[in-house]
Amino acid sequence: MNANYSFRSLLEQGEKLIGANVSIDAVLVIQGAEAYLVESVEMPESLQRIPVHCPGLELQLDLSVGGWMGGAYSYLDPVKVDGKLEAGTVRRNRLVLSDVTELTLTRDDESIRVQLSKEARD
């Protein structure tokens, strides 16, 4: 079982957790080709973000949930996401979440659990 962290606590402890499998409570933002986690739905453009590297993520979510239509973001939803915390490659993003195995998205008071297959993650 992965240790659970809030977005804020993960930012504070992140460097110590690089290489660990973690579970994060945050807000998932998907905009164009970018997927990242932020602290709240009120701040989707925050520079305090954790990029999510999971190439099949949006397609898997579309099959299970469906994205927001007509807005700036395909997804802007609270999530609990499990994955591996890695070191970022640019100064702006010190941390990256990869190898996402599971995500629970909350929308309209309903929680939707999405398990990502290995094929979807590659």
N, C-alpha and C. Protein backbone atom coordinates (compact mmCIF):
# COMPACT_ATOMS: atom_id res chain seq x y z
N MET A 1 0.84 -1.18 0.00
CA MET A 1 0.00 0.00 0.00
C MET A 1 0.89 1.25 0.00
N ASN A 2 0.55 2.21 -0.83
CA ASN A 2 1.32 3.45 -0.93
C ASN A 2 1.02 4.37 0.24
N ALA A 3 2.04 5.11 0.68
CA ALA A 3 1.82 6.14 1.69
C ALA A 3 1.01 7.26 1.05
N ASN A 4 0.05 7.83 1.80
CA ASN A 4 -0.83 8.87 1.28
C ASN A 4 -0.33 10.26 1.69
N TYR A 5 -0.34 11.20 0.74
CA TYR A 5 0.12 12.57 0.98
C TYR A 5 -0.86 13.56 0.39
N SER A 6 -0.99 14.69 1.06
CA SER A 6 -1.70 15.82 0.46
C SER A 6 -0.73 16.46 -0.53
N PHE A 7 -1.25 17.25 -1.45
CA PHE A 7 -0.40 17.93 -2.41
C PHE A 7 0.66 18.77 -1.70
N ARG A 8 0.23 19.56 -0.71
CA ARG A 8 1.14 20.45 0.02
C ARG A 8 2.24 19.67 0.73
N SER A 9 1.88 18.59 1.44
CA SER A 9 2.90 17.83 2.17
C SER A 9 3.87 17.16 1.21
N LEU A 10 3.39 16.75 0.05
CA LEU A 10 4.30 16.14 -0.93
C LEU A 10 5.30 17.16 -1.46
N LEU A 11 4.85 18.38 -1.70
CA LEU A 11 5.79 19.42 -2.13
C LEU A 11 6.85 19.68 -1.06
N GLU A 12 6.44 19.66 0.19
CA GLU A 12 7.37 19.93 1.28
C GLU A 12 8.37 18.80 1.49
N GLN A 13 7.95 17.56 1.29
CA GLN A 13 8.81 16.41 1.57
C GLN A 13 9.35 15.74 0.31
N GLY A 14 8.98 16.24 -0.84
CA GLY A 14 9.20 15.56 -2.10
C GLY A 14 10.57 14.98 -2.36
N GLU A 15 11.62 15.76 -2.14
CA GLU A 15 12.96 15.27 -2.46
C GLU A 15 13.31 14.01 -1.68
N LYS A 16 12.78 13.88 -0.47
CA LYS A 16 13.06 12.70 0.36
C LYS A 16 12.31 11.47 -0.15
N LEU A 17 11.29 11.69 -0.96
CA LEU A 17 10.43 10.59 -1.40
C LEU A 17 10.69 10.15 -2.84
N ILE A 18 11.68 10.75 -3.48
CA ILE A 18 11.96 10.39 -4.88
C ILE A 18 12.28 8.90 -4.97
N GLY A 19 11.60 8.25 -5.91
CA GLY A 19 11.76 6.81 -6.10
C GLY A 19 10.70 6.00 -5.38
N ALA A 20 9.91 6.65 -4.52
CA ALA A 20 8.88 5.94 -3.75
C ALA A 20 7.55 5.91 -4.50
N ASN A 21 6.77 4.87 -4.25
CA ASN A 21 5.40 4.81 -4.72
C ASN A 21 4.55 5.56 -3.71
N VAL A 22 3.75 6.50 -4.20
CA VAL A 22 2.96 7.37 -3.32
C VAL A 22 1.53 7.44 -3.81
N SER A 23 0.66 7.88 -2.91
CA SER A 23 -0.72 8.19 -3.22
C SER A 23 -0.92 9.66 -2.87
N ILE A 24 -1.43 10.45 -3.82
CA ILE A 24 -1.53 11.90 -3.64
C ILE A 24 -2.97 12.35 -3.77
N ASP A 25 -3.42 13.17 -2.81
CA ASP A 25 -4.70 13.85 -2.90
C ASP A 25 -4.43 15.23 -3.49
N ALA A 26 -4.98 15.49 -4.67
CA ALA A 26 -4.68 16.75 -5.37
C ALA A 26 -5.81 17.02 -6.37
N VAL A 27 -5.55 17.96 -7.28
CA VAL A 27 -6.47 18.26 -8.37
C VAL A 27 -5.73 17.97 -9.68
N LEU A 28 -6.34 17.15 -10.52
CA LEU A 28 -5.77 16.82 -11.82
C LEU A 28 -6.21 17.86 -12.84
N VAL A 29 -5.22 18.40 -13.57
CA VAL A 29 -5.50 19.33 -14.65
C VAL A 29 -4.95 18.70 -15.93
N ILE A 30 -5.80 18.58 -16.94
CA ILE A 30 -5.33 18.19 -18.27
C ILE A 30 -5.75 19.30 -19.21
N GLN A 31 -4.75 19.90 -19.82
CA GLN A 31 -4.96 21.01 -20.74
C GLN A 31 -4.07 20.77 -21.95
N GLY A 32 -4.68 20.52 -23.09
CA GLY A 32 -3.89 20.20 -24.27
C GLY A 32 -3.10 18.93 -24.02
N ALA A 33 -1.79 18.99 -24.26
CA ALA A 33 -0.93 17.83 -24.08
C ALA A 33 -0.35 17.75 -22.66
N GLU A 34 -0.70 18.68 -21.80
CA GLU A 34 -0.16 18.72 -20.44
C GLU A 34 -1.10 18.09 -19.44
N ALA A 35 -0.54 17.27 -18.54
CA ALA A 35 -1.29 16.73 -17.40
C ALA A 35 -0.45 17.00 -16.16
N TYR A 36 -1.08 17.59 -15.14
CA TYR A 36 -0.34 17.90 -13.92
C TYR A 36 -1.28 18.00 -12.74
N LEU A 37 -0.70 17.96 -11.55
CA LEU A 37 -1.45 18.07 -10.30
C LEU A 37 -1.21 19.43 -9.68
N VAL A 38 -2.26 20.02 -9.12
CA VAL A 38 -2.18 21.27 -8.38
C VAL A 38 -2.94 21.08 -7.07
N GLU A 39 -2.88 22.11 -6.21
CA GLU A 39 -3.49 21.99 -4.89
C GLU A 39 -5.01 22.18 -4.89
N SER A 40 -5.54 23.07 -5.75
CA SER A 40 -6.98 23.32 -5.69
C SER A 40 -7.54 23.67 -7.07
N VAL A 41 -8.86 23.47 -7.21
CA VAL A 41 -9.52 23.79 -8.48
C VAL A 41 -9.54 25.29 -8.73
N GLU A 42 -9.37 26.09 -7.69
CA GLU A 42 -9.35 27.55 -7.85
C GLU A 42 -8.04 28.05 -8.46
N MET A 43 -7.00 27.20 -8.50
CA MET A 43 -5.69 27.63 -9.01
C MET A 43 -5.14 26.66 -10.05
N PRO A 44 -5.86 26.44 -11.15
CA PRO A 44 -5.38 25.46 -12.13
C PRO A 44 -4.10 25.88 -12.86
N GLU A 45 -3.79 27.16 -12.86
CA GLU A 45 -2.59 27.64 -13.56
C GLU A 45 -1.41 27.83 -12.60
N SER A 46 -1.55 27.37 -11.36
CA SER A 46 -0.49 27.54 -10.37
C SER A 46 0.84 26.99 -10.88
N LEU A 47 1.90 27.70 -10.58
CA LEU A 47 3.23 27.22 -10.95
C LEU A 47 3.72 26.15 -9.97
N GLN A 48 3.05 26.02 -8.83
CA GLN A 48 3.33 24.91 -7.92
C GLN A 48 2.52 23.73 -8.42
N ARG A 49 3.17 22.90 -9.20
CA ARG A 49 2.49 21.78 -9.83
C ARG A 49 3.42 20.59 -9.92
N ILE A 50 2.82 19.44 -10.06
CA ILE A 50 3.57 18.20 -10.26
C ILE A 50 3.11 17.60 -11.58
N PRO A 51 3.97 17.61 -12.60
CA PRO A 51 3.59 17.00 -13.87
C PRO A 51 3.30 15.51 -13.70
N VAL A 52 2.36 15.02 -14.49
CA VAL A 52 2.02 13.59 -14.48
C VAL A 52 2.44 13.03 -15.83
N HIS A 53 3.35 12.07 -15.78
CA HIS A 53 3.80 11.41 -17.02
C HIS A 53 3.09 10.06 -17.11
N CYS A 54 2.05 10.03 -17.90
CA CYS A 54 1.25 8.81 -18.10
C CYS A 54 0.59 8.94 -19.46
N PRO A 55 1.27 8.53 -20.53
CA PRO A 55 0.79 8.76 -21.89
C PRO A 55 -0.64 8.33 -22.19
N GLY A 56 -1.16 7.28 -21.59
CA GLY A 56 -2.53 6.83 -21.88
C GLY A 56 -3.58 7.38 -20.94
N LEU A 57 -3.20 8.31 -20.06
CA LEU A 57 -4.11 8.76 -19.01
C LEU A 57 -5.39 9.40 -19.54
N GLU A 58 -5.30 10.35 -20.43
CA GLU A 58 -6.50 11.05 -20.89
C GLU A 58 -7.45 10.10 -21.61
N LEU A 59 -6.92 9.21 -22.42
CA LEU A 59 -7.77 8.24 -23.12
C LEU A 59 -8.49 7.34 -22.13
N GLN A 60 -7.78 6.85 -21.12
CA GLN A 60 -8.41 5.99 -20.12
C GLN A 60 -9.50 6.75 -19.36
N LEU A 61 -9.23 8.00 -19.01
CA LEU A 61 -10.25 8.81 -18.34
C LEU A 61 -11.45 9.05 -19.25
N ASP A 62 -11.19 9.34 -20.51
CA ASP A 62 -12.30 9.56 -21.46
C ASP A 62 -13.21 8.35 -21.55
N LEU A 63 -12.64 7.16 -21.49
CA LEU A 63 -13.45 5.93 -21.58
C LEU A 63 -14.27 5.71 -20.31
N SER A 64 -13.78 6.20 -19.18
CA SER A 64 -14.46 5.96 -17.90
C SER A 64 -15.32 7.12 -17.42
N VAL A 65 -14.87 8.35 -17.69
CA VAL A 65 -15.51 9.52 -17.10
C VAL A 65 -16.02 10.49 -18.16
N GLY A 66 -15.15 10.83 -19.08
CA GLY A 66 -15.46 11.86 -20.08
C GLY A 66 -14.94 13.21 -19.61
N GLY A 67 -14.28 13.92 -20.49
CA GLY A 67 -13.70 15.22 -20.14
C GLY A 67 -14.74 16.33 -20.17
N TRP A 68 -14.35 17.47 -19.63
CA TRP A 68 -15.20 18.66 -19.68
C TRP A 68 -15.19 19.18 -21.12
N MET A 69 -16.33 19.58 -21.61
CA MET A 69 -16.44 20.05 -22.99
C MET A 69 -16.51 21.57 -23.04
N GLY A 70 -15.85 22.17 -24.03
CA GLY A 70 -15.97 23.58 -24.31
C GLY A 70 -15.19 24.52 -23.40
N GLY A 71 -14.43 23.98 -22.48
CA GLY A 71 -13.67 24.84 -21.58
C GLY A 71 -12.18 24.79 -21.88
N ALA A 72 -11.43 25.45 -21.05
CA ALA A 72 -9.98 25.50 -21.22
C ALA A 72 -9.31 24.18 -20.84
N TYR A 73 -9.99 23.36 -20.02
CA TYR A 73 -9.38 22.14 -19.50
C TYR A 73 -10.22 20.94 -19.86
N SER A 74 -9.57 19.85 -20.26
CA SER A 74 -10.28 18.59 -20.47
C SER A 74 -10.69 18.00 -19.13
N TYR A 75 -9.80 18.14 -18.15
CA TYR A 75 -10.06 17.66 -16.79
C TYR A 75 -9.57 18.71 -15.81
N LEU A 76 -10.39 18.95 -14.80
CA LEU A 76 -10.06 19.83 -13.68
C LEU A 76 -10.87 19.30 -12.51
N ASP A 77 -10.35 18.21 -11.91
CA ASP A 77 -11.11 17.46 -10.93
C ASP A 77 -10.24 17.00 -9.78
N PRO A 78 -10.82 16.95 -8.56
CA PRO A 78 -10.10 16.36 -7.43
C PRO A 78 -9.83 14.88 -7.70
N VAL A 79 -8.64 14.43 -7.33
CA VAL A 79 -8.26 13.03 -7.54
C VAL A 79 -7.44 12.52 -6.36
N LYS A 80 -7.42 11.22 -6.27
CA LYS A 80 -6.43 10.51 -5.47
C LYS A 80 -5.71 9.65 -6.49
N VAL A 81 -4.42 9.84 -6.63
CA VAL A 81 -3.68 9.16 -7.69
C VAL A 81 -2.47 8.44 -7.11
N ASP A 82 -2.27 7.21 -7.57
CA ASP A 82 -1.14 6.38 -7.14
C ASP A 82 -0.13 6.30 -8.25
N GLY A 83 1.13 6.53 -7.90
CA GLY A 83 2.19 6.44 -8.88
C GLY A 83 3.55 6.53 -8.22
N LYS A 84 4.57 6.62 -9.04
CA LYS A 84 5.96 6.69 -8.57
C LYS A 84 6.44 8.13 -8.66
N LEU A 85 6.98 8.64 -7.57
CA LEU A 85 7.50 10.00 -7.54
C LEU A 85 8.93 10.00 -8.06
N GLU A 86 9.19 10.86 -9.05
CA GLU A 86 10.52 10.94 -9.65
C GLU A 86 11.01 12.37 -9.61
N ALA A 87 12.31 12.54 -9.78
CA ALA A 87 12.90 13.87 -9.84
C ALA A 87 12.53 14.52 -11.17
N GLY A 88 12.17 15.78 -11.13
CA GLY A 88 11.88 16.52 -12.35
C GLY A 88 13.16 16.81 -13.11
N THR A 89 13.00 17.19 -14.36
CA THR A 89 14.18 17.45 -15.19
C THR A 89 14.42 18.94 -15.42
N VAL A 90 13.51 19.78 -14.93
CA VAL A 90 13.69 21.22 -15.04
C VAL A 90 13.48 21.85 -13.67
N ARG A 91 14.06 22.99 -13.43
CA ARG A 91 13.99 23.63 -12.12
C ARG A 91 12.56 23.93 -11.70
N ARG A 92 11.74 24.34 -12.64
CA ARG A 92 10.34 24.69 -12.32
C ARG A 92 9.57 23.50 -11.76
N ASN A 93 9.85 22.32 -12.26
CA ASN A 93 9.16 21.11 -11.81
C ASN A 93 10.16 20.17 -11.14
N ARG A 94 10.27 20.30 -9.82
CA ARG A 94 11.24 19.49 -9.08
C ARG A 94 10.82 18.03 -9.01
N LEU A 95 9.51 17.78 -9.12
CA LEU A 95 8.97 16.43 -8.98
C LEU A 95 8.09 16.08 -10.18
N VAL A 96 8.03 14.79 -10.49
CA VAL A 96 7.17 14.28 -11.56
C VAL A 96 6.53 13.00 -11.05
N LEU A 97 5.27 12.78 -11.36
CA LEU A 97 4.61 11.53 -11.02
C LEU A 97 4.55 10.68 -12.28
N SER A 98 5.07 9.46 -12.19
CA SER A 98 5.05 8.55 -13.34
C SER A 98 4.51 7.19 -12.89
N ASP A 99 4.46 6.25 -13.79
CA ASP A 99 3.98 4.90 -13.49
C ASP A 99 2.67 4.93 -12.71
N VAL A 100 1.73 5.75 -13.18
CA VAL A 100 0.43 5.85 -12.52
C VAL A 100 -0.30 4.51 -12.67
N THR A 101 -0.72 3.95 -11.54
CA THR A 101 -1.40 2.65 -11.57
C THR A 101 -2.90 2.77 -11.34
N GLU A 102 -3.30 3.78 -10.58
CA GLU A 102 -4.70 3.94 -10.25
C GLU A 102 -5.01 5.39 -9.95
N LEU A 103 -6.23 5.78 -10.28
CA LEU A 103 -6.67 7.15 -10.05
C LEU A 103 -8.15 7.10 -9.68
N THR A 104 -8.52 7.82 -8.63
CA THR A 104 -9.93 7.97 -8.27
C THR A 104 -10.28 9.44 -8.45
N LEU A 105 -11.16 9.72 -9.38
CA LEU A 105 -11.57 11.07 -9.72
C LEU A 105 -12.93 11.34 -9.11
N THR A 106 -13.09 12.51 -8.49
CA THR A 106 -14.37 12.88 -7.90
C THR A 106 -15.00 14.00 -8.72
N ARG A 107 -16.24 13.75 -9.16
CA ARG A 107 -16.99 14.75 -9.93
C ARG A 107 -18.47 14.62 -9.56
N ASP A 108 -19.09 15.76 -9.27
CA ASP A 108 -20.51 15.78 -8.91
C ASP A 108 -20.81 14.79 -7.77
N ASP A 109 -19.98 14.81 -6.74
CA ASP A 109 -20.15 13.95 -5.56
C ASP A 109 -20.08 12.46 -5.86
N GLU A 110 -19.55 12.09 -7.01
CA GLU A 110 -19.37 10.69 -7.35
C GLU A 110 -17.88 10.42 -7.55
N SER A 111 -17.41 9.30 -7.01
CA SER A 111 -16.01 8.90 -7.17
C SER A 111 -15.92 7.82 -8.22
N ILE A 112 -15.05 8.02 -9.20
CA ILE A 112 -14.85 7.07 -10.28
C ILE A 112 -13.42 6.57 -10.22
N ARG A 113 -13.27 5.26 -10.03
CA ARG A 113 -11.94 4.65 -9.92
C ARG A 113 -11.51 4.13 -11.28
N VAL A 114 -10.30 4.53 -11.68
CA VAL A 114 -9.75 4.10 -12.97
C VAL A 114 -8.42 3.41 -12.72
N GLN A 115 -8.34 2.14 -13.09
CA GLN A 115 -7.07 1.43 -13.00
C GLN A 115 -6.42 1.48 -14.37
N LEU A 116 -5.15 1.83 -14.39
CA LEU A 116 -4.44 1.95 -15.65
C LEU A 116 -3.62 0.69 -15.91
N SER A 117 -3.84 0.10 -17.05
CA SER A 117 -3.08 -1.10 -17.40
C SER A 117 -1.65 -0.71 -17.76
N LYS A 118 -0.77 -1.67 -17.71
CA LYS A 118 0.63 -1.42 -18.08
C LYS A 118 0.71 -0.89 -19.49
N GLU A 119 -0.10 -1.43 -20.41
CA GLU A 119 -0.07 -0.98 -21.81
C GLU A 119 -0.45 0.50 -21.91
N ALA A 120 -1.42 0.94 -21.12
CA ALA A 120 -1.86 2.34 -21.16
C ALA A 120 -0.80 3.26 -20.60
N ARG A 121 0.04 2.74 -19.69
CA ARG A 121 1.07 3.57 -19.07
C ARG A 121 2.31 3.70 -19.93
N ASP A 122 2.51 2.80 -20.89
CA ASP A 122 3.72 2.83 -21.73
C ASP A 122 3.56 3.76 -22.90
